[in-house]
Structure formats: structure tokens, C-alpha cells
Amino acid sequence: MRARPRVRVEKAADFKRIYATGAYGMHSPWDFRIGFYREDMEVREETLLGQEPPTLKREILVEVVLTPPAAKALAQQLMKGIQEYEARYGKIPLPPRPEGKPGGSGLFV
């Protein structure tokens, strides 16, 4: 029997860590695409005076493209982590789905 190769993990020179408040995605027969974004409320003077509503700014930070097997492995790893988290800290509430946004389609939020 052959010995398994050792794995050395290192961060790329351009490695970045981002903080995202949400994700969206889509899939095709060839890949899954997951975009991560950060939301912030923009409030102008007119908003404070009640003349206009605030603006929700959604800044897309990065998009990750995965093969279907890699996406499935990521989903399984995330579910395992979520189950462990909820067992320790309690149920994670889902954010409300915007009206008119059906679930289960190729685009998800």
C-alpha cells in the first residue's frame, strides 16, 4: 500500500480575508457561482428630514466559482459546521426572504 502524500497548506501572496453579510449564487450544468457581499445603509440629509427613504448599498466583494463536486463538498462541510454551531449556541435564525423572491431556483440568496 502506498503512503498518502503529505499536504502543505499555505496562503497565497494575494490572500484576503473579507467580512460578508450575505451571499447569492447561481448554477449551471458546469459550475456553481457564489458571490459574497456586504450591505450598509446610506443615510443622507434628505433621509433624516423624511424626504426620501434610506438607500441600501450592496457591495459585491468576491465571487467564487466551484465545480459541482466541490460545491457539494462545501455544502456538506458547511452543514456539518452549522449543526455543530447550533448544538453549542442554539438555532441560527434565517433572514427574511424578500417578497417576490422564490426559493429553490438557480439564483439563491
N, C-alpha and C. Protein backbone atom coordinates (compact mmCIF):
# COMPACT_ATOMS: atom_id res chain seq x y z
N MET A 1 0.85 -1.18 0.00
CA MET A 1 0.00 0.00 0.00
C MET A 1 0.89 1.24 0.00
N ARG A 2 0.54 2.21 -0.82
CA ARG A 2 1.31 3.45 -0.91
C ARG A 2 0.94 4.39 0.22
N ALA A 3 1.91 5.16 0.64
CA ALA A 3 1.66 6.18 1.66
C ALA A 3 0.96 7.36 1.01
N ARG A 4 0.02 7.94 1.73
CA ARG A 4 -0.67 9.13 1.20
C ARG A 4 0.29 10.30 1.21
N PRO A 5 0.19 11.18 0.19
CA PRO A 5 1.09 12.34 0.19
C PRO A 5 0.74 13.30 1.32
N ARG A 6 1.76 13.96 1.83
CA ARG A 6 1.54 14.99 2.83
C ARG A 6 0.95 16.21 2.14
N VAL A 7 0.15 16.95 2.86
CA VAL A 7 -0.46 18.17 2.31
C VAL A 7 0.12 19.36 3.05
N ARG A 8 0.65 20.30 2.31
CA ARG A 8 1.16 21.54 2.91
C ARG A 8 0.21 22.67 2.49
N VAL A 9 -0.35 23.34 3.46
CA VAL A 9 -1.28 24.43 3.19
C VAL A 9 -0.56 25.74 3.43
N GLU A 10 -0.67 26.63 2.46
CA GLU A 10 -0.09 27.97 2.63
C GLU A 10 -1.00 28.99 1.96
N LYS A 11 -0.98 30.19 2.48
CA LYS A 11 -1.79 31.27 1.92
C LYS A 11 -1.07 31.90 0.73
N ALA A 12 -1.85 32.21 -0.29
CA ALA A 12 -1.30 32.87 -1.48
C ALA A 12 -0.80 34.26 -1.11
N ALA A 13 0.10 34.80 -1.91
CA ALA A 13 0.64 36.13 -1.64
C ALA A 13 -0.47 37.19 -1.64
N ASP A 14 -1.52 36.98 -2.45
CA ASP A 14 -2.61 37.95 -2.52
C ASP A 14 -3.83 37.50 -1.69
N PHE A 15 -3.63 36.63 -0.71
CA PHE A 15 -4.71 36.16 0.16
C PHE A 15 -5.40 37.34 0.83
N LYS A 16 -6.73 37.27 0.90
CA LYS A 16 -7.52 38.31 1.58
C LYS A 16 -8.56 37.62 2.45
N ARG A 17 -8.86 38.23 3.57
CA ARG A 17 -9.99 37.79 4.39
C ARG A 17 -11.02 38.90 4.30
N ILE A 18 -12.27 38.53 4.01
CA ILE A 18 -13.32 39.54 3.89
C ILE A 18 -14.41 39.24 4.91
N TYR A 19 -15.17 40.25 5.25
CA TYR A 19 -16.36 40.10 6.09
C TYR A 19 -17.56 40.34 5.20
N ALA A 20 -18.42 39.35 5.08
CA ALA A 20 -19.59 39.46 4.23
C ALA A 20 -20.85 39.34 5.08
N THR A 21 -21.88 40.08 4.71
CA THR A 21 -23.16 39.99 5.41
C THR A 21 -24.16 39.13 4.66
N GLY A 22 -23.79 38.70 3.45
CA GLY A 22 -24.71 37.87 2.69
C GLY A 22 -24.02 37.23 1.50
N ALA A 23 -24.77 36.35 0.85
CA ALA A 23 -24.26 35.65 -0.33
C ALA A 23 -25.40 35.42 -1.31
N TYR A 24 -25.06 35.32 -2.57
CA TYR A 24 -26.02 34.96 -3.60
C TYR A 24 -25.33 33.94 -4.49
N GLY A 25 -26.07 33.25 -5.27
CA GLY A 25 -25.43 32.29 -6.14
C GLY A 25 -26.32 31.83 -7.26
N MET A 26 -25.70 31.12 -8.16
CA MET A 26 -26.41 30.54 -9.29
C MET A 26 -25.63 29.32 -9.74
N HIS A 27 -26.27 28.51 -10.55
CA HIS A 27 -25.57 27.33 -11.04
C HIS A 27 -25.93 27.09 -12.49
N SER A 28 -25.06 26.34 -13.13
CA SER A 28 -25.27 25.88 -14.49
C SER A 28 -24.89 24.40 -14.51
N PRO A 29 -25.01 23.75 -15.63
CA PRO A 29 -24.57 22.35 -15.66
C PRO A 29 -23.07 22.18 -15.39
N TRP A 30 -22.29 23.25 -15.53
CA TRP A 30 -20.84 23.16 -15.42
C TRP A 30 -20.27 23.64 -14.09
N ASP A 31 -20.95 24.59 -13.43
CA ASP A 31 -20.36 25.13 -12.20
C ASP A 31 -21.39 25.79 -11.31
N PHE A 32 -20.97 26.08 -10.09
CA PHE A 32 -21.74 26.86 -9.13
C PHE A 32 -20.97 28.15 -8.90
N ARG A 33 -21.68 29.26 -8.84
CA ARG A 33 -21.06 30.57 -8.59
C ARG A 33 -21.69 31.17 -7.34
N ILE A 34 -20.84 31.53 -6.40
CA ILE A 34 -21.31 32.11 -5.15
C ILE A 34 -20.63 33.46 -4.99
N GLY A 35 -21.44 34.52 -4.91
CA GLY A 35 -20.92 35.85 -4.68
C GLY A 35 -21.16 36.25 -3.24
N PHE A 36 -20.21 36.91 -2.65
CA PHE A 36 -20.33 37.38 -1.27
C PHE A 36 -20.37 38.90 -1.28
N TYR A 37 -21.28 39.44 -0.47
CA TYR A 37 -21.45 40.89 -0.45
C TYR A 37 -21.56 41.41 0.98
N ARG A 38 -21.43 42.71 1.09
CA ARG A 38 -21.59 43.41 2.36
C ARG A 38 -22.63 44.50 2.13
N GLU A 39 -23.58 44.61 3.06
CA GLU A 39 -24.62 45.63 2.96
C GLU A 39 -24.40 46.73 3.99
N ASP A 40 -24.74 47.93 3.60
CA ASP A 40 -24.66 49.07 4.50
C ASP A 40 -25.77 50.05 4.12
N MET A 41 -26.34 50.69 5.10
CA MET A 41 -27.41 51.65 4.87
C MET A 41 -26.79 53.02 4.64
N GLU A 42 -27.14 53.65 3.52
CA GLU A 42 -26.68 55.00 3.23
C GLU A 42 -27.79 55.98 3.63
N VAL A 43 -27.48 56.87 4.53
CA VAL A 43 -28.46 57.83 5.02
C VAL A 43 -27.95 59.23 4.66
N ARG A 44 -28.77 59.95 3.89
CA ARG A 44 -28.43 61.33 3.50
C ARG A 44 -29.26 62.30 4.33
N GLU A 45 -28.99 63.56 4.18
CA GLU A 45 -29.73 64.59 4.92
C GLU A 45 -31.23 64.51 4.59
N GLU A 46 -31.56 64.25 3.32
CA GLU A 46 -32.96 64.14 2.92
C GLU A 46 -33.66 62.98 3.64
N THR A 47 -32.90 61.94 3.92
CA THR A 47 -33.46 60.80 4.65
C THR A 47 -33.80 61.23 6.07
N LEU A 48 -32.89 61.94 6.70
CA LEU A 48 -33.10 62.39 8.07
C LEU A 48 -34.28 63.36 8.17
N LEU A 49 -34.54 64.10 7.09
CA LEU A 49 -35.65 65.05 7.07
C LEU A 49 -36.96 64.37 6.65
N GLY A 50 -36.92 63.08 6.36
CA GLY A 50 -38.12 62.34 5.97
C GLY A 50 -38.54 62.57 4.54
N GLN A 51 -37.66 63.11 3.72
CA GLN A 51 -37.99 63.42 2.33
C GLN A 51 -37.72 62.24 1.37
N GLU A 52 -36.90 61.30 1.79
CA GLU A 52 -36.62 60.13 0.96
C GLU A 52 -36.23 58.97 1.87
N PRO A 53 -36.45 57.75 1.40
CA PRO A 53 -36.05 56.60 2.22
C PRO A 53 -34.53 56.41 2.16
N PRO A 54 -33.98 55.67 3.12
CA PRO A 54 -32.55 55.38 3.04
C PRO A 54 -32.26 54.45 1.87
N THR A 55 -31.02 54.39 1.45
CA THR A 55 -30.59 53.53 0.35
C THR A 55 -29.77 52.39 0.92
N LEU A 56 -30.11 51.17 0.54
CA LEU A 56 -29.34 50.01 0.95
C LEU A 56 -28.26 49.78 -0.10
N LYS A 57 -27.01 49.90 0.32
CA LYS A 57 -25.88 49.70 -0.59
C LYS A 57 -25.40 48.27 -0.43
N ARG A 58 -25.37 47.52 -1.52
CA ARG A 58 -24.88 46.13 -1.51
C ARG A 58 -23.62 46.10 -2.36
N GLU A 59 -22.49 45.92 -1.71
CA GLU A 59 -21.19 45.89 -2.38
C GLU A 59 -20.74 44.45 -2.56
N ILE A 60 -20.62 44.00 -3.81
CA ILE A 60 -20.17 42.64 -4.09
C ILE A 60 -18.65 42.62 -3.91
N LEU A 61 -18.20 41.73 -3.03
CA LEU A 61 -16.79 41.69 -2.66
C LEU A 61 -15.99 40.67 -3.46
N VAL A 62 -16.58 39.51 -3.71
CA VAL A 62 -15.86 38.45 -4.40
C VAL A 62 -16.87 37.43 -4.91
N GLU A 63 -16.51 36.75 -6.00
CA GLU A 63 -17.31 35.64 -6.49
C GLU A 63 -16.42 34.41 -6.57
N VAL A 64 -16.91 33.29 -6.06
CA VAL A 64 -16.18 32.03 -6.08
C VAL A 64 -16.90 31.10 -7.05
N VAL A 65 -16.15 30.48 -7.95
CA VAL A 65 -16.70 29.54 -8.92
C VAL A 65 -16.20 28.15 -8.57
N LEU A 66 -17.13 27.22 -8.38
CA LEU A 66 -16.80 25.86 -7.97
C LEU A 66 -17.34 24.84 -8.95
N THR A 67 -16.63 23.73 -9.10
CA THR A 67 -17.18 22.60 -9.85
C THR A 67 -18.33 22.02 -9.03
N PRO A 68 -19.26 21.30 -9.66
CA PRO A 68 -20.34 20.69 -8.88
C PRO A 68 -19.86 19.81 -7.72
N PRO A 69 -18.83 18.95 -7.90
CA PRO A 69 -18.37 18.16 -6.75
C PRO A 69 -17.79 19.03 -5.63
N ALA A 70 -17.07 20.09 -5.99
CA ALA A 70 -16.52 20.98 -4.96
C ALA A 70 -17.64 21.73 -4.24
N ALA A 71 -18.69 22.13 -4.97
CA ALA A 71 -19.83 22.81 -4.34
C ALA A 71 -20.54 21.88 -3.37
N LYS A 72 -20.71 20.62 -3.75
CA LYS A 72 -21.37 19.65 -2.87
C LYS A 72 -20.53 19.41 -1.63
N ALA A 73 -19.22 19.28 -1.77
CA ALA A 73 -18.33 19.08 -0.62
C ALA A 73 -18.39 20.30 0.31
N LEU A 74 -18.43 21.50 -0.27
CA LEU A 74 -18.54 22.72 0.55
C LEU A 74 -19.87 22.73 1.29
N ALA A 75 -20.96 22.39 0.61
CA ALA A 75 -22.28 22.36 1.26
C ALA A 75 -22.30 21.38 2.42
N GLN A 76 -21.70 20.20 2.24
CA GLN A 76 -21.65 19.22 3.32
C GLN A 76 -20.83 19.73 4.50
N GLN A 77 -19.69 20.35 4.21
CA GLN A 77 -18.84 20.89 5.27
C GLN A 77 -19.55 22.02 6.01
N LEU A 78 -20.24 22.89 5.28
CA LEU A 78 -20.99 23.98 5.92
C LEU A 78 -22.11 23.43 6.80
N MET A 79 -22.85 22.43 6.32
CA MET A 79 -23.94 21.85 7.12
C MET A 79 -23.39 21.21 8.39
N LYS A 80 -22.27 20.53 8.31
CA LYS A 80 -21.66 19.93 9.49
C LYS A 80 -21.29 21.03 10.50
N GLY A 81 -20.68 22.10 10.02
CA GLY A 81 -20.31 23.21 10.89
C GLY A 81 -21.53 23.89 11.51
N ILE A 82 -22.60 24.05 10.72
CA ILE A 82 -23.83 24.67 11.23
C ILE A 82 -24.46 23.80 12.31
N GLN A 83 -24.50 22.50 12.08
CA GLN A 83 -25.06 21.59 13.08
C GLN A 83 -24.26 21.65 14.38
N GLU A 84 -22.94 21.68 14.29
CA GLU A 84 -22.11 21.78 15.49
C GLU A 84 -22.33 23.12 16.20
N TYR A 85 -22.41 24.19 15.42
CA TYR A 85 -22.64 25.53 15.99
C TYR A 85 -23.97 25.57 16.73
N GLU A 86 -25.04 25.09 16.06
CA GLU A 86 -26.37 25.15 16.67
C GLU A 86 -26.47 24.25 17.91
N ALA A 87 -25.76 23.14 17.91
CA ALA A 87 -25.76 22.27 19.09
C ALA A 87 -25.13 22.98 20.28
N ARG A 88 -24.16 23.82 20.02
CA ARG A 88 -23.45 24.52 21.09
C ARG A 88 -24.11 25.85 21.47
N TYR A 89 -24.56 26.64 20.47
CA TYR A 89 -25.01 28.01 20.74
C TYR A 89 -26.50 28.24 20.51
N GLY A 90 -27.21 27.31 19.90
CA GLY A 90 -28.62 27.50 19.61
C GLY A 90 -28.87 27.73 18.13
N LYS A 91 -30.15 27.67 17.77
CA LYS A 91 -30.57 27.78 16.37
C LYS A 91 -30.19 29.13 15.77
N ILE A 92 -29.71 29.09 14.55
CA ILE A 92 -29.37 30.30 13.79
C ILE A 92 -30.61 30.72 13.02
N PRO A 93 -31.13 31.94 13.26
CA PRO A 93 -32.31 32.36 12.51
C PRO A 93 -31.93 32.76 11.07
N LEU A 94 -32.79 32.43 10.14
CA LEU A 94 -32.58 32.85 8.76
C LEU A 94 -33.12 34.26 8.57
N PRO A 95 -32.46 35.07 7.74
CA PRO A 95 -33.01 36.40 7.46
C PRO A 95 -34.29 36.25 6.65
N PRO A 96 -35.20 37.21 6.75
CA PRO A 96 -36.43 37.10 5.96
C PRO A 96 -36.12 37.17 4.47
N ARG A 97 -36.86 36.38 3.69
CA ARG A 97 -36.70 36.37 2.23
C ARG A 97 -37.46 37.57 1.66
N PRO A 98 -36.82 38.35 0.78
CA PRO A 98 -37.53 39.47 0.17
C PRO A 98 -38.78 38.99 -0.56
N GLU A 99 -39.82 39.81 -0.52
CA GLU A 99 -41.07 39.45 -1.21
C GLU A 99 -40.81 39.29 -2.70
N GLY A 100 -41.47 38.29 -3.27
CA GLY A 100 -41.33 38.07 -4.70
C GLY A 100 -40.11 37.25 -5.06
N LYS A 101 -39.31 36.83 -4.08
CA LYS A 101 -38.12 36.02 -4.36
C LYS A 101 -38.44 34.57 -4.04
N PRO A 102 -38.69 33.75 -5.06
CA PRO A 102 -38.99 32.35 -4.78
C PRO A 102 -37.73 31.59 -4.36
N GLY A 103 -37.89 30.56 -3.59
CA GLY A 103 -36.77 29.72 -3.22
C GLY A 103 -36.63 28.59 -4.22
N GLY A 104 -35.50 27.93 -4.20
CA GLY A 104 -35.31 26.73 -4.99
C GLY A 104 -35.00 26.96 -6.45
N SER A 105 -34.77 28.18 -6.89
CA SER A 105 -34.42 28.40 -8.29
C SER A 105 -32.90 28.39 -8.44
N GLY A 106 -32.41 28.68 -9.62
CA GLY A 106 -30.97 28.70 -9.85
C GLY A 106 -30.28 29.87 -9.17
N LEU A 107 -31.03 30.86 -8.77
CA LEU A 107 -30.44 32.02 -8.07
C LEU A 107 -30.91 31.97 -6.64
N PHE A 108 -29.99 32.03 -5.71
CA PHE A 108 -30.38 31.96 -4.31
C PHE A 108 -29.70 33.05 -3.53
N VAL A 109 -30.31 33.43 -2.42
CA VAL A 109 -29.78 34.49 -1.55
C VAL A 109 -29.76 33.96 -0.14
